[in-house]
C-alpha atoms as a PDB file:
ATOM      1  CA  UNK A   1      -5.296 -21.588   6.557  1.00  0.00           C
ATOM      2  CA  UNK A   2      -8.259 -18.834   7.069  1.00  0.00           C
ATOM      3  CA  UNK A   3      -9.453 -17.178   3.877  1.00  0.00           C
ATOM      4  CA  UNK A   4     -10.260 -13.158   4.712  1.00  0.00           C
ATOM      5  CA  UNK A   5     -10.219  -9.878   2.664  1.00  0.00           C
ATOM      6  CA  UNK A   6      -6.963  -8.696   1.876  1.00  0.00           C
ATOM      7  CA  UNK A   7      -5.257  -5.007   2.829  1.00  0.00           C
ATOM      8  CA  UNK A   8      -3.332  -2.275   1.292  1.00  0.00           C
ATOM      9  CA  UNK A   9       0.177  -3.654   1.580  1.00  0.00           C
ATOM     10  CA  UNK A  10       1.447  -0.936   3.826  1.00  0.00           C
ATOM     11  CA  UNK A  11      -1.628  -1.977   6.790  1.00  0.00           C
ATOM     12  CA  UNK A  12      -1.064  -0.985   9.596  1.00  0.00           C
ATOM     13  CA  UNK A  13      -0.114  -4.358  12.057  1.00  0.00           C
ATOM     14  CA  UNK A  14       0.339  -5.883  15.181  1.00  0.00           C
ATOM     15  CA  UNK A  15       3.728  -7.336  16.395  1.00  0.00           C
ATOM     16  CA  UNK A  16       2.594  -9.109  19.317  1.00  0.00           C
ATOM     17  CA  UNK A  17       3.794 -12.209  21.362  1.00  0.00           C
ATOM     18  CA  UNK A  18       2.962 -15.758  19.770  1.00  0.00           C
ATOM     19  CA  UNK A  19       0.553 -16.819  23.297  1.00  0.00           C
ATOM     20  CA  UNK A  20      -1.439 -20.693  22.031  1.00  0.00           C
ATOM     21  CA  UNK A  21      -3.733 -19.665  24.146  1.00  0.00           C
ATOM     22  CA  UNK A  22      -4.586 -16.629  22.673  1.00  0.00           C
ATOM     23  CA  UNK A  23      -4.645 -18.936  19.386  1.00  0.00           C
ATOM     24  CA  UNK A  24      -6.442 -22.053  19.696  1.00  0.00           C
ATOM     25  CA  UNK A  25     -10.408 -21.769  18.713  1.00  0.00           C
ATOM     26  CA  UNK A  26     -12.695 -19.263  20.150  1.00  0.00           C
ATOM     27  CA  UNK A  27      -9.365 -16.991  21.715  1.00  0.00           C
ATOM     28  CA  UNK A  28      -8.495 -14.084  20.401  1.00  0.00           C
ATOM     29  CA  UNK A  29      -6.549 -14.728  17.584  1.00  0.00           C
ATOM     30  CA  UNK A  30      -7.182 -17.287  14.748  1.00  0.00           C
ATOM     31  CA  UNK A  31      -4.414 -17.803  12.461  1.00  0.00           C
ATOM     32  CA  UNK A  32      -4.468 -17.457   9.327  1.00  0.00           C
ATOM     33  CA  UNK A  33      -1.737 -18.836   7.633  1.00  0.00           C
ATOM     34  CA  UNK A  34       1.921 -17.799   7.845  1.00  0.00           C
ATOM     35  CA  UNK A  35       5.349 -16.400   6.314  1.00  0.00           C
ATOM     36  CA  UNK A  36       8.161 -18.249   6.362  1.00  0.00           C
ATOM     37  CA  UNK A  37      12.098 -16.658   5.907  1.00  0.00           C
ATOM     38  CA  UNK A  38      14.827 -17.828   5.739  1.00  0.00           C
ATOM     39  CA  UNK A  39      19.307 -16.604   5.408  1.00  0.00           C
ATOM     40  CA  UNK A  40      22.277 -17.416   5.591  1.00  0.00           C
ATOM     41  CA  UNK A  41      24.214 -15.703   8.923  1.00  0.00           C
ATOM     42  CA  UNK A  42      21.658 -15.251  11.520  1.00  0.00           C
ATOM     43  CA  UNK A  43      19.045 -13.017  11.997  1.00  0.00           C
ATOM     44  CA  UNK A  44      16.760 -10.896  14.071  1.00  0.00           C
ATOM     45  CA  UNK A  45      12.988 -11.568  13.323  1.00  0.00           C
ATOM     46  CA  UNK A  46      12.107  -8.440  14.652  1.00  0.00           C
ATOM     47  CA  UNK A  47      14.700  -6.371  12.359  1.00  0.00           C
ATOM     48  CA  UNK A  48      12.899  -3.715  10.665  1.00  0.00           C
ATOM     49  CA  UNK A  49      14.294  -5.399   7.070  1.00  0.00           C
ATOM     50  CA  UNK A  50      12.133  -8.562   7.607  1.00  0.00           C
ATOM     51  CA  UNK A  51       8.983  -7.053   8.886  1.00  0.00           C
ATOM     52  CA  UNK A  52       8.826  -4.876   5.077  1.00  0.00           C
ATOM     53  CA  UNK A  53       9.504  -8.760   3.581  1.00  0.00           C
ATOM     54  CA  UNK A  54       6.469  -9.620   6.058  1.00  0.00           C
ATOM     55  CA  UNK A  55       4.172  -6.802   6.481  1.00  0.00           C
ATOM     56  CA  UNK A  56       3.152  -6.434   2.675  1.00  0.00           C
ATOM     57  CA  UNK A  57       2.320 -11.095   2.570  1.00  0.00           C
ATOM     58  CA  UNK A  58       0.688 -10.457   6.515  1.00  0.00           C
ATOM     59  CA  UNK A  59      -1.709  -7.529   4.653  1.00  0.00           C
ATOM     60  CA  UNK A  60      -2.206  -9.506   1.428  1.00  0.00           C
ATOM     61  CA  UNK A  61      -3.561 -12.154   3.413  1.00  0.00           C
ATOM     62  CA  UNK A  62      -5.908 -10.199   5.517  1.00  0.00           C
ATOM     63  CA  UNK A  63      -3.993 -10.026   9.099  1.00  0.00           C
ATOM     64  CA  UNK A  64      -4.534  -8.011  11.628  1.00  0.00           C
ATOM     65  CA  UNK A  65      -1.211  -8.987  14.091  1.00  0.00           C
ATOM     66  CA  UNK A  66       2.158 -10.425  12.942  1.00  0.00           C
ATOM     67  CA  UNK A  67       3.290 -12.864  15.651  1.00  0.00           C
ATOM     68  CA  UNK A  68       6.737 -15.129  15.923  1.00  0.00           C
ATOM     69  CA  UNK A  69       6.318 -18.566  16.248  1.00  0.00           C
ATOM     70  CA  UNK A  70       9.602 -20.040  15.542  1.00  0.00           C
ATOM     71  CA  UNK A  71      12.853 -18.744  15.344  1.00  0.00           C
ATOM     72  CA  UNK A  72      16.297 -20.778  14.647  1.00  0.00           C
ATOM     73  CA  UNK A  73      19.630 -20.569  13.626  1.00  0.00           C
ATOM     74  CA  UNK A  74      21.687 -23.509  13.012  1.00  0.00           C
ATOM     75  CA  UNK A  75      25.819 -23.174  13.308  1.00  0.00           C
ATOM     76  CA  UNK A  76      27.855 -25.727  11.321  1.00  0.00           C
ATOM     77  CA  UNK A  77      31.296 -24.865  11.088  1.00  0.00           C
ATOM     78  CA  UNK A  78      31.351 -23.677   7.777  1.00  0.00           C
ATOM     79  CA  UNK A  79      27.901 -21.894   7.780  1.00  0.00           C
ATOM     80  CA  UNK A  80      25.175 -20.134  10.249  1.00  0.00           C
ATOM     81  CA  UNK A  81      21.554 -19.869   8.766  1.00  0.00           C
ATOM     82  CA  UNK A  82      18.768 -18.514  10.500  1.00  0.00           C
ATOM     83  CA  UNK A  83      14.898 -18.946  10.076  1.00  0.00           C
ATOM     84  CA  UNK A  84      11.935 -17.249  11.261  1.00  0.00           C
ATOM     85  CA  UNK A  85       8.077 -18.722  11.202  1.00  0.00           C
ATOM     86  CA  UNK A  86       5.497 -15.935  11.310  1.00  0.00           C
ATOM     87  CA  UNK A  87       2.063 -16.427  11.884  1.00  0.00           C
ATOM     88  CA  UNK A  88      -0.016 -14.194  10.636  1.00  0.00           C
ATOM     89  CA  UNK A  89      -3.453 -13.423  12.499  1.00  0.00           C
ATOM     90  CA  UNK A  90      -6.532 -11.708  12.676  1.00  0.00           C
ATOM     91  CA  UNK A  91      -9.468 -11.386  15.365  1.00  0.00           C
ATOM     92  CA  UNK A  92     -11.992 -12.936  14.836  1.00  0.00           C
ATOM     93  CA  UNK A  93     -14.851 -11.627  12.618  1.00  0.00           C
ATOM     94  CA  UNK A  94     -17.788  -9.879  15.439  1.00  0.00           C
ATOM     95  CA  UNK A  95     -20.838 -13.302  15.344  1.00  0.00           C
ATOM     96  CA  UNK A  96     -18.467 -15.345  14.725  1.00  0.00           C
ATOM     97  CA  UNK A  97     -19.427 -19.680  15.642  1.00  0.00           C
ATOM     98  CA  UNK A  98     -18.595 -20.364  18.766  1.00  0.00           C
ATOM     99  CA  UNK A  99     -16.498 -23.553  18.768  1.00  0.00           C
ATOM    100  CA  UNK A 100     -18.874 -26.265  19.482  1.00  0.00           C
ATOM    101  CA  UNK A 101     -18.455 -29.640  21.787  1.00  0.00           C
ATOM    102  CA  UNK A 102     -18.548 -32.975  20.149  1.00  0.00           C
END
């Protein structure tokens, strides 16, 4: 969604609570893009094994933080599946132009 210079695959990332007010134009965070993980069975989106999948992708996107945007589990008689969408975030660069009204 927004281009940012990549970081090393093990860059430090904050895991923050998704707050759409902080992610709106002119807010505290810019959304760079998304990482989506699906799994047969149930999943805890904050489990370390999923963080290890998300981290290098978020770092490559130039992320500074990650938020769980959506997470759902569907159960049926014969199987269970889960999916999580992580938002990759960064703080707006200093000197960024404020949103304009029209």
